């Protein structure tokens, strides 16, 4: 497991560096793991988190892209938390 503490404290890459990674994001309350998709481009690397629609980032290197997407995930969560304050919250369980 490679720790990216030099770039973003709390961001961790689990497993080998493959096109699909797991980024662990530690916040004030808890830690969550998200699968992310890393794609090499002419400009460096683009990275997305399929579990969070619209959550994208990029970087010149794999490490920078992974650190940047950890920041993007934190920002995504902050916006989500603000939006959740606007109404009554319910949970729905879906069984496949």
Foldseek 3Di string as FASTA:
>chain_A
DDALCVQPPQWDWPDDPDQWTWTWAQDPPGIDIFIKGWDQDPQAIKIAGVVQPPQIDGDNYPSRRSSVSSVSVVVSVVVVVVVPVPDDDDDDDDDD
